[in-house]
């Protein structure tokens, strides 16, 4: 698949998009349309004013070098650790501190209230801590028995 733009990183670390007709957009940012349900599909490249200057249907359809730049930009911009195990909670009343294993390492966070656990799909949860950091549970069914037991007390 051919793309209708060129994408490079300049010496200052900013992404620069050049359209086929030669229009240059410096400092573009990559934004996912569906960060949880379809993280590799539907990526907008937006300029510093937030205006979309390019659309990517699927990252895997891009040339390898461009896809790597887009993934790198997304990973630097987004921080949503994925919980793989709930080790412990300090209390079943909120606020309480959760100790969890994530894809970004082990951590603790404070859950303010049950309303900070949002169900995105039947098996996907988004948990917000008191600092506004979102933790993803991609598939509740994949958690171990101990984690499910702790989580069930809050759902």
Protein backbone atom coordinates (compact mmCIF):
# COMPACT_ATOMS: atom_id res chain seq x y z
CA UNK A 1 0.00 0.00 0.00
CA UNK A 2 1.35 3.43 -0.85
CA UNK A 3 0.96 6.36 1.50
CA UNK A 4 0.28 9.94 0.51
CA UNK A 5 2.85 11.55 2.78
CA UNK A 6 6.45 11.33 3.94
CA UNK A 7 7.23 11.14 7.65
CA UNK A 8 10.61 11.79 9.27
CA UNK A 9 11.96 12.80 12.67
CA UNK A 10 13.95 16.04 12.57
CA UNK A 11 17.16 16.67 14.60
CA UNK A 12 15.05 18.22 17.37
CA UNK A 13 13.04 15.01 17.81
CA UNK A 14 9.85 16.34 16.21
CA UNK A 15 7.90 14.41 13.58
CA UNK A 16 7.72 16.20 10.25
CA UNK A 17 5.04 15.23 7.74
CA UNK A 18 5.32 16.32 4.12
CA UNK A 19 2.30 15.83 1.87
CA UNK A 20 2.57 14.81 -1.79
CA UNK A 21 1.95 18.40 -2.83
CA UNK A 22 4.90 19.59 -0.70
CA UNK A 23 3.08 21.03 2.32
CA UNK A 24 5.28 20.55 5.42
CA UNK A 25 3.76 20.04 8.88
CA UNK A 26 6.38 20.17 11.62
CA UNK A 27 5.69 18.73 15.07
CA UNK A 28 2.83 16.41 14.17
CA UNK A 29 1.49 14.03 16.81
CA UNK A 30 0.02 10.56 16.39
CA UNK A 31 -3.37 9.99 18.06
CA UNK A 32 -5.21 6.68 18.27
CA UNK A 33 -8.91 6.69 17.39
CA UNK A 34 -9.57 3.50 19.38
CA UNK A 35 -6.69 3.05 21.86
CA UNK A 36 -8.14 0.01 23.63
CA UNK A 37 -10.33 -1.84 21.14
CA UNK A 38 -8.17 -1.33 18.02
CA UNK A 39 -4.81 0.20 18.99
CA UNK A 40 -3.17 -0.56 15.61
CA UNK A 41 -6.04 0.80 13.51
CA UNK A 42 -7.26 4.33 12.92
CA UNK A 43 -4.36 6.65 13.68
CA UNK A 44 -4.64 10.39 13.03
CA UNK A 45 -1.57 12.52 12.50
CA UNK A 46 -2.46 15.98 13.79
CA UNK A 47 -0.62 19.30 13.59
CA UNK A 48 0.19 21.55 16.56
CA UNK A 49 -3.34 23.03 16.37
CA UNK A 50 -4.91 19.57 16.64
CA UNK A 51 -6.06 19.54 13.01
CA UNK A 52 -5.80 16.19 11.26
CA UNK A 53 -3.25 16.32 8.44
CA UNK A 54 -3.10 12.58 7.66
CA UNK A 55 -5.01 9.40 8.45
CA UNK A 56 -3.57 5.91 8.81
CA UNK A 57 -6.04 3.04 8.48
CA UNK A 58 -3.65 0.39 9.82
CA UNK A 59 -0.09 0.79 11.10
CA UNK A 60 0.89 -2.60 9.64
CA UNK A 61 0.12 -1.30 6.13
CA UNK A 62 2.78 1.40 6.42
CA UNK A 63 6.37 1.00 5.23
CA UNK A 64 8.43 -0.40 8.12
CA UNK A 65 10.35 2.82 8.81
CA UNK A 66 7.21 4.98 8.89
CA UNK A 67 5.36 2.42 11.04
CA UNK A 68 8.26 2.42 13.51
CA UNK A 69 8.15 6.23 13.76
CA UNK A 70 4.39 6.19 14.38
CA UNK A 71 4.65 3.45 17.04
CA UNK A 72 7.54 5.28 18.72
CA UNK A 73 5.54 8.51 18.81
CA UNK A 74 2.48 6.75 20.22
CA UNK A 75 4.44 4.96 22.94
CA UNK A 76 6.07 8.21 24.04
CA UNK A 77 2.71 9.95 24.20
CA UNK A 78 0.60 7.30 25.88
CA UNK A 79 0.96 5.69 29.26
CA UNK A 80 -1.62 3.06 30.07
CA UNK A 81 -0.09 0.13 31.96
CA UNK A 82 -1.89 -3.18 31.43
CA UNK A 83 -2.61 -5.08 34.65
CA UNK A 84 -1.65 -8.74 34.47
CA UNK A 85 -2.16 -9.58 38.17
CA UNK A 86 -3.66 -7.96 41.25
CA UNK A 87 -1.32 -8.92 44.07
CA UNK A 88 -3.12 -7.26 46.99
CA UNK A 89 -5.51 -4.53 48.09
CA UNK A 90 -5.27 -2.83 51.48
CA UNK A 91 -9.02 -2.80 52.05
CA UNK A 92 -12.28 -3.64 50.35
CA UNK A 93 -13.51 -0.17 51.28
CA UNK A 94 -12.35 2.79 49.23
CA UNK A 95 -10.06 4.60 49.07
CA UNK A 96 -7.59 1.73 49.16
CA UNK A 97 -4.16 0.90 47.78
CA UNK A 98 -3.79 -1.76 45.09
CA UNK A 99 -0.55 -3.64 44.47
CA UNK A 100 -0.44 -4.88 40.88
CA UNK A 101 1.83 -6.43 38.25
CA UNK A 102 1.68 -4.63 34.90
CA UNK A 103 3.42 -4.77 31.54
CA UNK A 104 5.41 -1.72 32.73
CA UNK A 105 6.50 -3.32 36.02
CA UNK A 106 5.11 -3.78 39.50
CA UNK A 107 3.39 -0.80 41.12
CA UNK A 108 0.92 0.43 43.69
CA UNK A 109 -1.89 2.91 43.18
CA UNK A 110 -4.77 4.32 45.19
CA UNK A 111 -8.31 3.62 44.01
CA UNK A 112 -10.56 6.47 45.12
CA UNK A 113 -13.87 4.66 44.61
CA UNK A 114 -15.61 1.85 42.75
CA UNK A 115 -16.79 4.41 40.17
CA UNK A 116 -13.15 4.67 39.03
CA UNK A 117 -13.41 1.15 37.59
CA UNK A 118 -15.08 1.48 34.19
CA UNK A 119 -16.23 -1.45 32.10
CA UNK A 120 -15.33 -0.81 28.45
CA UNK A 121 -16.56 -4.18 27.17
CA UNK A 122 -17.83 -7.32 28.87
CA UNK A 123 -14.24 -8.36 29.65
CA UNK A 124 -12.23 -5.11 29.47
CA UNK A 125 -11.83 -2.66 32.35
CA UNK A 126 -10.24 0.75 32.71
CA UNK A 127 -9.17 1.63 36.26
CA UNK A 128 -8.23 5.22 37.18
CA UNK A 129 -6.05 6.03 40.17
CA UNK A 130 -6.18 9.22 42.26
CA UNK A 131 -3.61 10.87 39.96
CA UNK A 132 -5.63 10.20 36.79
CA UNK A 133 -3.38 7.41 35.51
CA UNK A 134 -5.39 4.76 33.68
CA UNK A 135 -4.66 1.07 34.11
CA UNK A 136 -6.10 -1.39 31.61
CA UNK A 137 -7.37 -4.89 32.30
CA UNK A 138 -7.62 -6.11 28.72
CA UNK A 139 -9.39 -9.38 29.51
CA UNK A 140 -10.69 -10.15 32.99
CA UNK A 141 -10.98 -13.84 32.01
CA UNK A 142 -7.19 -14.03 31.59
CA UNK A 143 -6.48 -12.95 35.18
CA UNK A 144 -5.50 -15.59 37.72
CA UNK A 145 -8.03 -16.79 40.31
CA UNK A 146 -6.63 -14.59 43.13
CA UNK A 147 -6.83 -11.45 40.96
CA UNK A 148 -10.39 -12.20 39.87
CA UNK A 149 -11.45 -12.75 43.50
CA UNK A 150 -10.03 -9.38 44.56
CA UNK A 151 -11.49 -7.58 41.55
CA UNK A 152 -14.95 -9.10 42.05
CA UNK A 153 -15.17 -7.37 45.45
CA UNK A 154 -15.16 -4.00 43.63
CA UNK A 155 -17.44 -4.78 40.68
